[in-house]
Amino acid sequence: VLFLALLLYYHSIVVTAADQALLDKICKLAQSYDFCLSTLRNDP
């Protein structure tokens, strides 16, 4: 149970980091990085 919980936790960190990295790459190309990032992050 502990191993599975840690595995799921680690997986969620990796997925979140990948999503954040993708958003970062996209928004760095926008005229307003902050507008882009807040717009995309604010959508669930």
PDB file of all heavy atoms in Angstrom:
ATOM      1  N   VAL A   1       0.838  -1.195   0.000  1.00  0.00           N
ATOM      2  CA  VAL A   1       0.000   0.000   0.000  1.00  0.00           C
ATOM      3  C   VAL A   1       0.875   1.248   0.000  1.00  0.00           C
ATOM      4  O   VAL A   1       0.642   2.195  -0.765  1.00  0.00           O
ATOM      5  CB  VAL A   1      -0.975   0.005   1.205  1.00  0.00           C
ATOM      6  CG1 VAL A   1      -1.663   1.350   1.351  1.00  0.00           C
ATOM      7  CG2 VAL A   1      -1.992  -1.116   1.073  1.00  0.00           C
ATOM      8  N   LEU A   2       1.907   1.283   0.825  1.00  0.00           N
ATOM      9  CA  LEU A   2       2.821   2.415   0.884  1.00  0.00           C
ATOM     10  C   LEU A   2       3.537   2.587  -0.443  1.00  0.00           C
ATOM     11  O   LEU A   2       3.656   3.698  -0.966  1.00  0.00           O
ATOM     12  CB  LEU A   2       3.832   2.235   2.033  1.00  0.00           C
ATOM     13  CG  LEU A   2       4.821   3.379   2.233  1.00  0.00           C
ATOM     14  CD1 LEU A   2       4.079   4.682   2.535  1.00  0.00           C
ATOM     15  CD2 LEU A   2       5.775   3.047   3.361  1.00  0.00           C
ATOM     16  N   PHE A   3       3.993   1.493  -1.023  1.00  0.00           N
ATOM     17  CA  PHE A   3       4.677   1.549  -2.307  1.00  0.00           C
ATOM     18  C   PHE A   3       3.751   2.118  -3.384  1.00  0.00           C
ATOM     19  O   PHE A   3       4.145   2.996  -4.159  1.00  0.00           O
ATOM     20  CB  PHE A   3       5.169   0.154  -2.717  1.00  0.00           C
ATOM     21  CG  PHE A   3       5.734   0.117  -4.100  1.00  0.00           C
ATOM     22  CD1 PHE A   3       6.983   0.658  -4.372  1.00  0.00           C
ATOM     23  CD2 PHE A   3       5.010  -0.446  -5.143  1.00  0.00           C
ATOM     24  CE1 PHE A   3       7.500   0.642  -5.661  1.00  0.00           C
ATOM     25  CE2 PHE A   3       5.515  -0.460  -6.429  1.00  0.00           C
ATOM     26  CZ  PHE A   3       6.767   0.084  -6.695  1.00  0.00           C
ATOM     27  N   LEU A   4       2.513   1.646  -3.439  1.00  0.00           N
ATOM     28  CA  LEU A   4       1.558   2.136  -4.433  1.00  0.00           C
ATOM     29  C   LEU A   4       1.235   3.613  -4.211  1.00  0.00           C
ATOM     30  O   LEU A   4       1.130   4.385  -5.168  1.00  0.00           O
ATOM     31  CB  LEU A   4       0.286   1.292  -4.411  1.00  0.00           C
ATOM     32  CG  LEU A   4       0.428  -0.128  -4.956  1.00  0.00           C
ATOM     33  CD1 LEU A   4      -0.875  -0.909  -4.748  1.00  0.00           C
ATOM     34  CD2 LEU A   4       0.792  -0.112  -6.424  1.00  0.00           C
ATOM     35  N   ALA A   5       1.091   3.996  -2.964  1.00  0.00           N
ATOM     36  CA  ALA A   5       0.821   5.401  -2.659  1.00  0.00           C
ATOM     37  C   ALA A   5       1.984   6.286  -3.108  1.00  0.00           C
ATOM     38  O   ALA A   5       1.776   7.348  -3.711  1.00  0.00           O
ATOM     39  CB  ALA A   5       0.546   5.584  -1.171  1.00  0.00           C
ATOM     40  N   LEU A   6       3.201   5.853  -2.834  1.00  0.00           N
ATOM     41  CA  LEU A   6       4.374   6.618  -3.261  1.00  0.00           C
ATOM     42  C   LEU A   6       4.485   6.660  -4.776  1.00  0.00           C
ATOM     43  O   LEU A   6       4.830   7.692  -5.359  1.00  0.00           O
ATOM     44  CB  LEU A   6       5.646   6.039  -2.640  1.00  0.00           C
ATOM     45  CG  LEU A   6       5.822   6.285  -1.147  1.00  0.00           C
ATOM     46  CD1 LEU A   6       7.022   5.509  -0.610  1.00  0.00           C
ATOM     47  CD2 LEU A   6       5.982   7.772  -0.868  1.00  0.00           C
ATOM     48  N   LEU A   7       4.179   5.546  -5.417  1.00  0.00           N
ATOM     49  CA  LEU A   7       4.221   5.492  -6.874  1.00  0.00           C
ATOM     50  C   LEU A   7       3.206   6.467  -7.472  1.00  0.00           C
ATOM     51  O   LEU A   7       3.522   7.219  -8.399  1.00  0.00           O
ATOM     52  CB  LEU A   7       3.944   4.064  -7.353  1.00  0.00           C
ATOM     53  CG  LEU A   7       4.033   3.828  -8.862  1.00  0.00           C
ATOM     54  CD1 LEU A   7       5.465   4.069  -9.344  1.00  0.00           C
ATOM     55  CD2 LEU A   7       3.608   2.417  -9.198  1.00  0.00           C
ATOM     56  N   LEU A   8       1.986   6.481  -6.961  1.00  0.00           N
ATOM     57  CA  LEU A   8       0.968   7.399  -7.449  1.00  0.00           C
ATOM     58  C   LEU A   8       1.368   8.856  -7.192  1.00  0.00           C
ATOM     59  O   LEU A   8       1.185   9.726  -8.039  1.00  0.00           O
ATOM     60  CB  LEU A   8      -0.387   7.102  -6.808  1.00  0.00           C
ATOM     61  CG  LEU A   8      -1.075   5.831  -7.284  1.00  0.00           C
ATOM     62  CD1 LEU A   8      -2.303   5.543  -6.425  1.00  0.00           C
ATOM     63  CD2 LEU A   8      -1.464   5.947  -8.744  1.00  0.00           C
ATOM     64  N   TYR A   9       1.917   9.116  -6.025  1.00  0.00           N
ATOM     65  CA  TYR A   9       2.363  10.466  -5.690  1.00  0.00           C
ATOM     66  C   TYR A   9       3.462  10.910  -6.645  1.00  0.00           C
ATOM     67  O   TYR A   9       3.417  11.998  -7.204  1.00  0.00           O
ATOM     68  CB  TYR A   9       2.853  10.521  -4.241  1.00  0.00           C
ATOM     69  CG  TYR A   9       3.432  11.861  -3.859  1.00  0.00           C
ATOM     70  CD1 TYR A   9       2.600  12.958  -3.651  1.00  0.00           C
ATOM     71  CD2 TYR A   9       4.803  12.031  -3.703  1.00  0.00           C
ATOM     72  CE1 TYR A   9       3.118  14.186  -3.311  1.00  0.00           C
ATOM     73  CE2 TYR A   9       5.337  13.257  -3.364  1.00  0.00           C
ATOM     74  CZ  TYR A   9       4.491  14.331  -3.167  1.00  0.00           C
ATOM     75  OH  TYR A   9       5.008  15.548  -2.837  1.00  0.00           O
ATOM     76  N   TYR A  10       4.454  10.038  -6.870  1.00  0.00           N
ATOM     77  CA  TYR A  10       5.560  10.358  -7.775  1.00  0.00           C
ATOM     78  C   TYR A  10       5.025  10.601  -9.184  1.00  0.00           C
ATOM     79  O   TYR A  10       5.399  11.553  -9.844  1.00  0.00           O
ATOM     80  CB  TYR A  10       6.595   9.229  -7.784  1.00  0.00           C
ATOM     81  CG  TYR A  10       7.677   9.444  -8.820  1.00  0.00           C
ATOM     82  CD1 TYR A  10       8.675  10.385  -8.611  1.00  0.00           C
ATOM     83  CD2 TYR A  10       7.672   8.729 -10.020  1.00  0.00           C
ATOM     84  CE1 TYR A  10       9.650  10.606  -9.567  1.00  0.00           C
ATOM     85  CE2 TYR A  10       8.638   8.940 -10.972  1.00  0.00           C
ATOM     86  CZ  TYR A  10       9.633   9.876 -10.743  1.00  0.00           C
ATOM     87  OH  TYR A  10      10.591  10.101 -11.685  1.00  0.00           O
ATOM     88  N   HIS A  11       4.097   9.748  -9.637  1.00  0.00           N
ATOM     89  CA  HIS A  11       3.524   9.902 -10.972  1.00  0.00           C
ATOM     90  C   HIS A  11       2.809  11.248 -11.095  1.00  0.00           C
ATOM     91  O   HIS A  11       2.942  11.928 -12.099  1.00  0.00           O
ATOM     92  CB  HIS A  11       2.564   8.752 -11.274  1.00  0.00           C
ATOM     93  CG  HIS A  11       1.904   8.881 -12.613  1.00  0.00           C
ATOM     94  ND1 HIS A  11       2.594   8.716 -13.786  1.00  0.00           N
ATOM     95  CD2 HIS A  11       0.626   9.183 -12.951  1.00  0.00           C
ATOM     96  CE1 HIS A  11       1.770   8.903 -14.802  1.00  0.00           C
ATOM     97  NE2 HIS A  11       0.568   9.184 -14.314  1.00  0.00           N
ATOM     98  N   SER A  12       2.075  11.648 -10.066  1.00  0.00           N
ATOM     99  CA  SER A  12       1.362  12.924 -10.137  1.00  0.00           C
ATOM    100  C   SER A  12       2.332  14.096 -10.184  1.00  0.00           C
ATOM    101  O   SER A  12       2.074  15.086 -10.855  1.00  0.00           O
ATOM    102  CB  SER A  12       0.395  13.077  -8.963  1.00  0.00           C
ATOM    103  OG  SER A  12       1.088  13.263  -7.755  1.00  0.00           O
ATOM    104  N   ILE A  13       3.465  13.984  -9.512  1.00  0.00           N
ATOM    105  CA  ILE A  13       4.473  15.040  -9.557  1.00  0.00           C
ATOM    106  C   ILE A  13       5.058  15.133 -10.960  1.00  0.00           C
ATOM    107  O   ILE A  13       5.198  16.210 -11.527  1.00  0.00           O
ATOM    108  CB  ILE A  13       5.583  14.794  -8.521  1.00  0.00           C
ATOM    109  CG1 ILE A  13       5.040  14.991  -7.111  1.00  0.00           C
ATOM    110  CG2 ILE A  13       6.767  15.726  -8.746  1.00  0.00           C
ATOM    111  CD1 ILE A  13       5.996  14.573  -6.017  1.00  0.00           C
ATOM    112  N   VAL A  14       5.399  14.004 -11.554  1.00  0.00           N
ATOM    113  CA  VAL A  14       5.992  13.990 -12.885  1.00  0.00           C
ATOM    114  C   VAL A  14       5.018  14.552 -13.919  1.00  0.00           C
ATOM    115  O   VAL A  14       5.377  15.373 -14.749  1.00  0.00           O
ATOM    116  CB  VAL A  14       6.438  12.558 -13.263  1.00  0.00           C
ATOM    117  CG1 VAL A  14       6.853  12.482 -14.711  1.00  0.00           C
ATOM    118  CG2 VAL A  14       7.571  12.110 -12.356  1.00  0.00           C
ATOM    119  N   VAL A  15       3.740  14.146 -13.854  1.00  0.00           N
ATOM    120  CA  VAL A  15       2.741  14.632 -14.799  1.00  0.00           C
ATOM    121  C   VAL A  15       2.553  16.131 -14.636  1.00  0.00           C
ATOM    122  O   VAL A  15       2.524  16.871 -15.605  1.00  0.00           O
ATOM    123  CB  VAL A  15       1.408  13.870 -14.618  1.00  0.00           C
ATOM    124  CG1 VAL A  15       0.303  14.517 -15.420  1.00  0.00           C
ATOM    125  CG2 VAL A  15       1.587  12.421 -15.041  1.00  0.00           C
ATOM    126  N   THR A  16       2.444  16.595 -13.394  1.00  0.00           N
ATOM    127  CA  THR A  16       2.277  18.017 -13.146  1.00  0.00           C
ATOM    128  C   THR A  16       3.472  18.798 -13.671  1.00  0.00           C
ATOM    129  O   THR A  16       3.309  19.827 -14.315  1.00  0.00           O
ATOM    130  CB  THR A  16       2.075  18.291 -11.642  1.00  0.00           C
ATOM    131  OG1 THR A  16       0.935  17.558 -11.214  1.00  0.00           O
ATOM    132  CG2 THR A  16       1.855  19.750 -11.372  1.00  0.00           C
ATOM    133  N   ALA A  17       4.668  18.292 -13.436  1.00  0.00           N
ATOM    134  CA  ALA A  17       5.864  18.984 -13.906  1.00  0.00           C
ATOM    135  C   ALA A  17       5.874  19.053 -15.425  1.00  0.00           C
ATOM    136  O   ALA A  17       6.225  20.072 -16.008  1.00  0.00           O
ATOM    137  CB  ALA A  17       7.119  18.285 -13.389  1.00  0.00           C
ATOM    138  N   ALA A  18       5.478  17.973 -16.082  1.00  0.00           N
ATOM    139  CA  ALA A  18       5.435  17.977 -17.541  1.00  0.00           C
ATOM    140  C   ALA A  18       4.394  18.983 -18.034  1.00  0.00           C
ATOM    141  O   ALA A  18       4.638  19.717 -18.980  1.00  0.00           O
ATOM    142  CB  ALA A  18       5.118  16.584 -18.066  1.00  0.00           C
ATOM    143  N   ASP A  19       3.231  19.025 -17.387  1.00  0.00           N
ATOM    144  CA  ASP A  19       2.199  19.975 -17.785  1.00  0.00           C
ATOM    145  C   ASP A  19       2.675  21.406 -17.593  1.00  0.00           C
ATOM    146  O   ASP A  19       2.456  22.253 -18.445  1.00  0.00           O
ATOM    147  CB  ASP A  19       0.920  19.740 -16.987  1.00  0.00           C
ATOM    148  CG  ASP A  19       0.232  18.437 -17.354  1.00  0.00           C
ATOM    149  OD1 ASP A  19       0.510  17.896 -18.440  1.00  0.00           O
ATOM    150  OD2 ASP A  19      -0.572  17.962 -16.548  1.00  0.00           O
ATOM    151  N   GLN A  20       3.315  21.668 -16.477  1.00  0.00           N
ATOM    152  CA  GLN A  20       3.831  23.007 -16.212  1.00  0.00           C
ATOM    153  C   GLN A  20       4.907  23.385 -17.224  1.00  0.00           C
ATOM    154  O   GLN A  20       4.962  24.516 -17.682  1.00  0.00           O
ATOM    155  CB  GLN A  20       4.381  23.096 -14.785  1.00  0.00           C
ATOM    156  CG  GLN A  20       3.301  23.029 -13.717  1.00  0.00           C
ATOM    157  CD  GLN A  20       2.204  24.056 -13.936  1.00  0.00           C
ATOM    158  OE1 GLN A  20       1.086  23.705 -14.280  1.00  0.00           O
ATOM    159  NE2 GLN A  20       2.510  25.313 -13.764  1.00  0.00           N
ATOM    160  N   ALA A  21       5.750  22.425 -17.572  1.00  0.00           N
ATOM    161  CA  ALA A  21       6.800  22.693 -18.555  1.00  0.00           C
ATOM    162  C   ALA A  21       6.184  23.028 -19.916  1.00  0.00           C
ATOM    163  O   ALA A  21       6.653  23.935 -20.613  1.00  0.00           O
ATOM    164  CB  ALA A  21       7.740  21.497 -18.662  1.00  0.00           C
ATOM    165  N   LEU A  22       5.143  22.306 -20.297  1.00  0.00           N
ATOM    166  CA  LEU A  22       4.470  22.571 -21.567  1.00  0.00           C
ATOM    167  C   LEU A  22       3.817  23.954 -21.550  1.00  0.00           C
ATOM    168  O   LEU A  22       3.964  24.723 -22.502  1.00  0.00           O
ATOM    169  CB  LEU A  22       3.417  21.493 -21.846  1.00  0.00           C
ATOM    170  CG  LEU A  22       2.598  21.671 -23.121  1.00  0.00           C
ATOM    171  CD1 LEU A  22       3.495  21.690 -24.349  1.00  0.00           C
ATOM    172  CD2 LEU A  22       1.550  20.572 -23.224  1.00  0.00           C
ATOM    173  N   LEU A  23       3.116  24.281 -20.480  1.00  0.00           N
ATOM    174  CA  LEU A  23       2.502  25.604 -20.371  1.00  0.00           C
ATOM    175  C   LEU A  23       3.558  26.696 -20.418  1.00  0.00           C
ATOM    176  O   LEU A  23       3.360  27.735 -21.053  1.00  0.00           O
ATOM    177  CB  LEU A  23       1.683  25.717 -19.080  1.00  0.00           C
ATOM    178  CG  LEU A  23       0.427  24.862 -18.990  1.00  0.00           C
ATOM    179  CD1 LEU A  23      -0.271  25.095 -17.655  1.00  0.00           C
ATOM    180  CD2 LEU A  23      -0.510  25.110 -20.148  1.00  0.00           C
ATOM    181  N   ASP A  24       4.665  26.445 -19.761  1.00  0.00           N
ATOM    182  CA  ASP A  24       5.758  27.410 -19.750  1.00  0.00           C
ATOM    183  C   ASP A  24       6.293  27.635 -21.167  1.00  0.00           C
ATOM    184  O   ASP A  24       6.493  28.777 -21.586  1.00  0.00           O
ATOM    185  CB  ASP A  24       6.869  26.927 -18.812  1.00  0.00           C
ATOM    186  CG  ASP A  24       7.882  28.013 -18.521  1.00  0.00           C
ATOM    187  OD1 ASP A  24       7.473  29.114 -18.101  1.00  0.00           O
ATOM    188  OD2 ASP A  24       9.088  27.760 -18.726  1.00  0.00           O
ATOM    189  N   LYS A  25       6.499  26.565 -21.908  1.00  0.00           N
ATOM    190  CA  LYS A  25       6.987  26.681 -23.293  1.00  0.00           C
ATOM    191  C   LYS A  25       6.004  27.452 -24.159  1.00  0.00           C
ATOM    192  O   LYS A  25       6.388  28.300 -24.957  1.00  0.00           O
ATOM    193  CB  LYS A  25       7.205  25.288 -23.904  1.00  0.00           C
ATOM    194  CG  LYS A  25       8.435  24.588 -23.440  1.00  0.00           C
ATOM    195  CD  LYS A  25       8.531  23.227 -24.129  1.00  0.00           C
ATOM    196  CE  LYS A  25       9.661  22.399 -23.567  1.00  0.00           C
ATOM    197  NZ  LYS A  25       9.715  21.062 -24.192  1.00  0.00           N
ATOM    198  N   ILE A  26       4.737  27.138 -24.010  1.00  0.00           N
ATOM    199  CA  ILE A  26       3.713  27.817 -24.800  1.00  0.00           C
ATOM    200  C   ILE A  26       3.663  29.296 -24.450  1.00  0.00           C
ATOM    201  O   ILE A  26       3.708  30.159 -25.325  1.00  0.00           O
ATOM    202  CB  ILE A  26       2.329  27.159 -24.576  1.00  0.00           C
ATOM    203  CG1 ILE A  26       2.299  25.772 -25.226  1.00  0.00           C
ATOM    204  CG2 ILE A  26       1.192  28.042 -25.106  1.00  0.00           C
ATOM    205  CD1 ILE A  26       1.111  24.925 -24.818  1.00  0.00           C
ATOM    206  N   CYS A  27       3.582  29.593 -23.177  1.00  0.00           N
ATOM    207  CA  CYS A  27       3.381  30.976 -22.741  1.00  0.00           C
ATOM    208  C   CYS A  27       4.605  31.860 -22.931  1.00  0.00           C
ATOM    209  O   CYS A  27       4.471  33.079 -23.049  1.00  0.00           O
ATOM    210  CB  CYS A  27       2.875  31.005 -21.304  1.00  0.00           C
ATOM    211  SG  CYS A  27       1.193  30.325 -21.173  1.00  0.00           S
ATOM    212  N   LYS A  28       5.781  31.267 -22.993  1.00  0.00           N
ATOM    213  CA  LYS A  28       6.980  32.066 -23.281  1.00  0.00           C
ATOM    214  C   LYS A  28       6.949  32.648 -24.686  1.00  0.00           C
ATOM    215  O   LYS A  28       7.638  33.620 -24.966  1.00  0.00           O
ATOM    216  CB  LYS A  28       8.245  31.225 -23.079  1.00  0.00           C
ATOM    217  CG  LYS A  28       8.640  31.094 -21.632  1.00  0.00           C
ATOM    218  CD  LYS A  28       9.946  30.361 -21.472  1.00  0.00           C
ATOM    219  CE  LYS A  28      10.327  30.313 -19.994  1.00  0.00           C
ATOM    220  NZ  LYS A  28      11.561  29.555 -19.778  1.00  0.00           N
ATOM    221  N   LEU A  29       6.145  32.066 -25.558  1.00  0.00           N
ATOM    222  CA  LEU A  29       6.027  32.566 -26.921  1.00  0.00           C
ATOM    223  C   LEU A  29       4.945  33.634 -27.065  1.00  0.00           C
ATOM    224  O   LEU A  29       4.853  34.293 -28.102  1.00  0.00           O
ATOM    225  CB  LEU A  29       5.746  31.406 -27.878  1.00  0.00           C
ATOM    226  CG  LEU A  29       6.861  30.366 -27.983  1.00  0.00           C
ATOM    227  CD1 LEU A  29       6.415  29.183 -28.832  1.00  0.00           C
ATOM    228  CD2 LEU A  29       8.127  30.994 -28.560  1.00  0.00           C
ATOM    229  N   ALA A  30       4.129  33.807 -26.047  1.00  0.00           N
ATOM    230  CA  ALA A  30       3.041  34.790 -26.097  1.00  0.00           C
ATOM    231  C   ALA A  30       3.570  36.186 -25.782  1.00  0.00           C
ATOM    232  O   ALA A  30       4.581  36.348 -25.102  1.00  0.00           O
ATOM    233  CB  ALA A  30       1.948  34.414 -25.100  1.00  0.00           C
ATOM    234  N   GLN A  31       2.858  37.191 -26.263  1.00  0.00           N
ATOM    235  CA  GLN A  31       3.250  38.570 -25.958  1.00  0.00           C
ATOM    236  C   GLN A  31       3.197  38.840 -24.461  1.00  0.00           C
ATOM    237  O   GLN A  31       4.019  39.574 -23.941  1.00  0.00           O
ATOM    238  CB  GLN A  31       2.364  39.567 -26.697  1.00  0.00           C
ATOM    239  CG  GLN A  31       2.714  39.677 -28.159  1.00  0.00           C
ATOM    240  CD  GLN A  31       1.941  40.791 -28.851  1.00  0.00           C
ATOM    241  OE1 GLN A  31       0.930  41.300 -28.325  1.00  0.00           O
ATOM    242  NE2 GLN A  31       2.394  41.172 -30.016  1.00  0.00           N
ATOM    243  N   SER A  32       2.206  38.247 -23.795  1.00  0.00           N
ATOM    244  CA  SER A  32       2.106  38.396 -22.345  1.00  0.00           C
ATOM    245  C   SER A  32       2.155  37.018 -21.694  1.00  0.00           C
ATOM    246  O   SER A  32       1.146  36.298 -21.668  1.00  0.00           O
ATOM    247  CB  SER A  32       0.816  39.116 -21.949  1.00  0.00           C
ATOM    248  OG  SER A  32       0.683  39.112 -20.535  1.00  0.00           O
ATOM    249  N   TYR A  33       3.309  36.686 -21.187  1.00  0.00           N
ATOM    250  CA  TYR A  33       3.511  35.398 -20.512  1.00  0.00           C
ATOM    251  C   TYR A  33       2.518  35.232 -19.372  1.00  0.00           C
ATOM    252  O   TYR A  33       1.878  34.195 -19.240  1.00  0.00           O
ATOM    253  CB  TYR A  33       4.948  35.316 -19.996  1.00  0.00           C
ATOM    254  CG  TYR A  33       5.244  34.083 -19.179  1.00  0.00           C
ATOM    255  CD1 TYR A  33       5.598  32.891 -19.801  1.00  0.00           C
ATOM    256  CD2 TYR A  33       5.170  34.109 -17.788  1.00  0.00           C
ATOM    257  CE1 TYR A  33       5.870  31.745 -19.056  1.00  0.00           C
ATOM    258  CE2 TYR A  33       5.436  32.975 -17.037  1.00  0.00           C
ATOM    259  CZ  TYR A  33       5.789  31.799 -17.679  1.00  0.00           C
ATOM    260  OH  TYR A  33       6.046  30.671 -16.945  1.00  0.00           O
ATOM    261  N   ASP A  34       2.372  36.268 -18.553  1.00  0.00           N
ATOM    262  CA  ASP A  34       1.494  36.187 -17.379  1.00  0.00           C
ATOM    263  C   ASP A  34       0.030  35.993 -17.779  1.00  0.00           C
ATOM    264  O   ASP A  34      -0.685  35.195 -17.171  1.00  0.00           O
ATOM    265  CB  ASP A  34       1.637  37.437 -16.506  1.00  0.00           C
ATOM    266  CG  ASP A  34       2.999  37.523 -15.837  1.00  0.00           C
ATOM    267  OD1 ASP A  34       3.646  36.470 -15.659  1.00  0.00           O
ATOM    268  OD2 ASP A  34       3.428  38.646 -15.508  1.00  0.00           O
ATOM    269  N   PHE A  35      -0.422  36.717 -18.797  1.00  0.00           N
ATOM    270  CA  PHE A  35      -1.803  36.566 -19.261  1.00  0.00           C
ATOM    271  C   PHE A  35      -2.031  35.144 -19.764  1.00  0.00           C
ATOM    272  O   PHE A  35      -3.030  34.502 -19.419  1.00  0.00           O
ATOM    273  CB  PHE A  35      -2.122  37.569 -20.379  1.00  0.00           C
ATOM    274  CG  PHE A  35      -3.483  37.383 -20.975  1.00  0.00           C
ATOM    275  CD1 PHE A  35      -4.612  37.896 -20.350  1.00  0.00           C
ATOM    276  CD2 PHE A  35      -3.651  36.682 -22.165  1.00  0.00           C
ATOM    277  CE1 PHE A  35      -5.878  37.708 -20.895  1.00  0.00           C
ATOM    278  CE2 PHE A  35      -4.908  36.493 -22.716  1.00  0.00           C
ATOM    279  CZ  PHE A  35      -6.018  37.013 -22.085  1.00  0.00           C
ATOM    280  N   CYS A  36      -1.122  34.650 -20.567  1.00  0.00           N
ATOM    281  CA  CYS A  36      -1.235  33.302 -21.119  1.00  0.00           C
ATOM    282  C   CYS A  36      -1.285  32.262 -20.008  1.00  0.00           C
ATOM    283  O   CYS A  36      -2.181  31.410 -19.978  1.00  0.00           O
ATOM    284  CB  CYS A  36      -0.045  33.038 -22.050  1.00  0.00           C
ATOM    285  SG  CYS A  36       0.049  31.354 -22.699  1.00  0.00           S
ATOM    286  N   LEU A  37      -0.335  32.341 -19.098  1.00  0.00           N
ATOM    287  CA  LEU A  37      -0.249  31.345 -18.033  1.00  0.00           C
ATOM    288  C   LEU A  37      -1.483  31.383 -17.125  1.00  0.00           C
ATOM    289  O   LEU A  37      -2.051  30.345 -16.800  1.00  0.00           O
ATOM    290  CB  LEU A  37       1.033  31.560 -17.224  1.00  0.00           C
ATOM    291  CG  LEU A  37       1.519  30.377 -16.418  1.00  0.00           C
ATOM    292  CD1 LEU A  37       1.783  29.164 -17.306  1.00  0.00           C
ATOM    293  CD2 LEU A  37       2.787  30.751 -15.665  1.00  0.00           C
ATOM    294  N   SER A  38      -1.908  32.582 -16.746  1.00  0.00           N
ATOM    295  CA  SER A  38      -3.082  32.665 -15.861  1.00  0.00           C
ATOM    296  C   SER A  38      -4.347  32.209 -16.584  1.00  0.00           C
ATOM    297  O   SER A  38      -5.208  31.561 -15.987  1.00  0.00           O
ATOM    298  CB  SER A  38      -3.250  34.080 -15.307  1.00  0.00           C
ATOM    299  OG  SER A  38      -3.597  34.987 -16.320  1.00  0.00           O
ATOM    300  N   THR A  39      -4.459  32.511 -17.866  1.00  0.00           N
ATOM    301  CA  THR A  39      -5.624  32.087 -18.640  1.00  0.00           C
ATOM    302  C   THR A  39      -5.715  30.564 -18.679  1.00  0.00           C
ATOM    303  O   THR A  39      -6.778  29.986 -18.408  1.00  0.00           O
ATOM    304  CB  THR A  39      -5.562  32.644 -20.077  1.00  0.00           C
ATOM    305  OG1 THR A  39      -5.601  34.075 -20.014  1.00  0.00           O
ATOM    306  CG2 THR A  39      -6.716  32.139 -20.918  1.00  0.00           C
ATOM    307  N   LEU A  40      -4.613  29.919 -19.008  1.00  0.00           N
ATOM    308  CA  LEU A  40      -4.634  28.456 -19.115  1.00  0.00           C
ATOM    309  C   LEU A  40      -4.734  27.785 -17.751  1.00  0.00           C
ATOM    310  O   LEU A  40      -5.472  26.821 -17.579  1.00  0.00           O
ATOM    311  CB  LEU A  40      -3.398  27.965 -19.874  1.00  0.00           C
ATOM    312  CG  LEU A  40      -3.361  28.351 -21.358  1.00  0.00           C
ATOM    313  CD1 LEU A  40      -2.048  27.925 -21.986  1.00  0.00           C
ATOM    314  CD2 LEU A  40      -4.546  27.777 -22.116  1.00  0.00           C
ATOM    315  N   ARG A  41      -4.018  28.305 -16.768  1.00  0.00           N
ATOM    316  CA  ARG A  41      -4.060  27.702 -15.423  1.00  0.00           C
ATOM    317  C   ARG A  41      -5.421  27.850 -14.760  1.00  0.00           C
ATOM    318  O   ARG A  41      -5.833  27.004 -13.976  1.00  0.00           O
ATOM    319  CB  ARG A  41      -3.012  28.349 -14.518  1.00  0.00           C
ATOM    320  CG  ARG A  41      -1.644  27.778 -14.666  1.00  0.00           C
ATOM    321  CD  ARG A  41      -0.771  28.364 -13.598  1.00  0.00           C
ATOM    322  NE  ARG A  41       0.580  27.862 -13.674  1.00  0.00           N
ATOM    323  CZ  ARG A  41       1.596  28.413 -13.070  1.00  0.00           C
ATOM    324  NH1 ARG A  41       1.428  29.500 -12.336  1.00  0.00           N
ATOM    325  NH2 ARG A  41       2.800  27.895 -13.178  1.00  0.00           N
ATOM    326  N   ASN A  42      -6.123  28.935 -15.063  1.00  0.00           N
ATOM    327  CA  ASN A  42      -7.408  29.181 -14.420  1.00  0.00           C
ATOM    328  C   ASN A  42      -8.520  28.288 -14.959  1.00  0.00           C
ATOM    329  O   ASN A  42      -9.605  28.252 -14.385  1.00  0.00           O
ATOM    330  CB  ASN A  42      -7.815  30.650 -14.542  1.00  0.00           C
ATOM    331  CG  ASN A  42      -7.015  31.535 -13.609  1.00  0.00           C
ATOM    332  OD1 ASN A  42      -6.473  31.084 -12.611  1.00  0.00           O
ATOM    333  ND2 ASN A  42      -6.921  32.813 -13.951  1.00  0.00           N
ATOM    334  N   ASP A  43      -8.265  27.604 -16.051  1.00  0.00           N
ATOM    335  CA  ASP A  43      -9.271  26.692 -16.569  1.00  0.00           C
ATOM    336  C   ASP A  43      -9.007  25.311 -15.994  1.00  0.00           C
ATOM    337  O   ASP A  43      -7.933  24.746 -16.200  1.00  0.00           O
ATOM    338  CB  ASP A  43      -9.220  26.644 -18.096  1.00  0.00           C
ATOM    339  CG  ASP A  43     -10.426  25.931 -18.665  1.00  0.00           C
ATOM    340  OD1 ASP A  43     -10.568  24.712 -18.417  1.00  0.00           O
ATOM    341  OD2 ASP A  43     -11.224  26.585 -19.347  1.00  0.00           O
ATOM    342  N   PRO A  44      -9.972  24.732 -15.282  1.00  0.00           N
ATOM    343  CA  PRO A  44      -9.736  23.441 -14.621  1.00  0.00           C
ATOM    344  C   PRO A  44      -9.454  22.293 -15.583  1.00  0.00           C
ATOM    345  O   PRO A  44      -8.867  21.291 -15.191  1.00  0.00           O
ATOM    346  CB  PRO A  44     -11.033  23.198 -13.839  1.00  0.00           C
ATOM    347  CG  PRO A  44     -12.042  24.091 -14.450  1.00  0.00           C
ATOM    348  CD  PRO A  44     -11.308  25.260 -15.038  1.00  0.00           C
TER     349      PRO A  44
END
